[in-house]
Amino acid sequence: MQQIIVVVIVAGAIFFLGRRLYKTFSSGQTPGCGCGCSGCLDQTQSKSLKSPFPMHRP
């Protein structure tokens, strides 16, 4: 019984991982814009927002 539960959990994790990878590689959006917004801000626009939280850029 325990093996069946483990197999179901692992199969579910593999399914959701595969789904996420599929959506990542099959999307037609530009890299770095995962939100589906109208576009990404450039550095001059992001500095003018004055967010109380630091913005980390990779």
C-alpha atoms as a PDB file:
ATOM      1  CA  MET A   1       0.000   0.000   0.000  1.00  0.00           C
ATOM      2  CA  GLN A   2       2.831   2.397   0.829  1.00  0.00           C
ATOM      3  CA  GLN A   3       4.480   1.736  -2.515  1.00  0.00           C
ATOM      4  CA  ILE A   4       1.288   2.691  -4.350  1.00  0.00           C
ATOM      5  CA  ILE A   5       1.115   6.015  -2.480  1.00  0.00           C
ATOM      6  CA  VAL A   6       4.772   6.737  -3.254  1.00  0.00           C
ATOM      7  CA  VAL A   7       4.282   5.898  -6.937  1.00  0.00           C
ATOM      8  CA  VAL A   8       1.246   8.210  -7.138  1.00  0.00           C
ATOM      9  CA  ILE A   9       3.143  11.093  -5.495  1.00  0.00           C
ATOM     10  CA  VAL A  10       6.207  10.644  -7.718  1.00  0.00           C
ATOM     11  CA  ALA A  11       4.042  10.347 -10.838  1.00  0.00           C
ATOM     12  CA  GLY A  12       2.218  13.542  -9.900  1.00  0.00           C
ATOM     13  CA  ALA A  13       5.497  15.396  -9.362  1.00  0.00           C
ATOM     14  CA  ILE A  14       6.833  14.204 -12.728  1.00  0.00           C
ATOM     15  CA  PHE A  15       3.590  15.255 -14.417  1.00  0.00           C
ATOM     16  CA  PHE A  16       3.691  18.792 -13.020  1.00  0.00           C
ATOM     17  CA  LEU A  17       7.406  19.144 -13.751  1.00  0.00           C
ATOM     18  CA  GLY A  18       6.856  18.026 -17.340  1.00  0.00           C
ATOM     19  CA  ARG A  19       3.922  20.394 -17.709  1.00  0.00           C
ATOM     20  CA  ARG A  20       5.984  23.309 -16.444  1.00  0.00           C
ATOM     21  CA  LEU A  21       8.879  22.494 -18.766  1.00  0.00           C
ATOM     22  CA  TYR A  22       6.497  22.160 -21.705  1.00  0.00           C
ATOM     23  CA  LYS A  23       4.933  25.559 -21.004  1.00  0.00           C
ATOM     24  CA  THR A  24       8.366  27.140 -20.570  1.00  0.00           C
ATOM     25  CA  PHE A  25       9.791  25.892 -23.850  1.00  0.00           C
ATOM     26  CA  SER A  26       6.649  26.114 -25.963  1.00  0.00           C
ATOM     27  CA  SER A  27       5.698  29.709 -25.116  1.00  0.00           C
ATOM     28  CA  GLY A  28       6.235  32.293 -27.818  1.00  0.00           C
ATOM     29  CA  GLN A  29       7.069  35.073 -25.388  1.00  0.00           C
ATOM     30  CA  THR A  30      10.403  36.812 -25.162  1.00  0.00           C
ATOM     31  CA  PRO A  31      12.788  35.536 -22.480  1.00  0.00           C
ATOM     32  CA  GLY A  32      12.400  37.255 -19.147  1.00  0.00           C
ATOM     33  CA  CYS A  33       8.734  38.179 -19.596  1.00  0.00           C
ATOM     34  CA  GLY A  34       6.911  35.322 -17.939  1.00  0.00           C
ATOM     35  CA  CYS A  35       3.966  37.382 -16.741  1.00  0.00           C
ATOM     36  CA  GLY A  36       2.279  37.913 -20.111  1.00  0.00           C
ATOM     37  CA  CYS A  37       2.485  41.665 -19.648  1.00  0.00           C
ATOM     38  CA  SER A  38       3.007  44.247 -22.374  1.00  0.00           C
ATOM     39  CA  GLY A  39       6.762  44.128 -21.920  1.00  0.00           C
ATOM     40  CA  CYS A  40       9.640  44.411 -19.511  1.00  0.00           C
ATOM     41  CA  LEU A  41      10.794  47.681 -18.033  1.00  0.00           C
ATOM     42  CA  ASP A  42      14.190  49.016 -18.954  1.00  0.00           C
ATOM     43  CA  GLN A  43      16.612  50.327 -16.318  1.00  0.00           C
ATOM     44  CA  THR A  44      15.439  53.957 -16.492  1.00  0.00           C
ATOM     45  CA  GLN A  45      11.805  52.990 -15.965  1.00  0.00           C
ATOM     46  CA  SER A  46      12.545  50.599 -13.112  1.00  0.00           C
ATOM     47  CA  LYS A  47      14.532  53.231 -11.184  1.00  0.00           C
ATOM     48  CA  SER A  48      11.611  55.650 -11.316  1.00  0.00           C
ATOM     49  CA  LEU A  49       9.241  53.219  -9.573  1.00  0.00           C
ATOM     50  CA  LYS A  50      10.890  53.743  -6.135  1.00  0.00           C
ATOM     51  CA  SER A  51       9.907  50.380  -4.712  1.00  0.00           C
ATOM     52  CA  PRO A  52      10.454  49.914  -0.958  1.00  0.00           C
ATOM     53  CA  PHE A  53      11.957  46.514  -1.756  1.00  0.00           C
ATOM     54  CA  PRO A  54      15.314  46.131  -3.487  1.00  0.00           C
ATOM     55  CA  MET A  55      15.089  44.967  -7.080  1.00  0.00           C
ATOM     56  CA  HIS A  56      17.472  42.106  -7.850  1.00  0.00           C
ATOM     57  CA  ARG A  57      18.519  41.630 -11.428  1.00  0.00           C
ATOM     58  CA  PRO A  58      20.248  38.426 -12.496  1.00  0.00           C
END
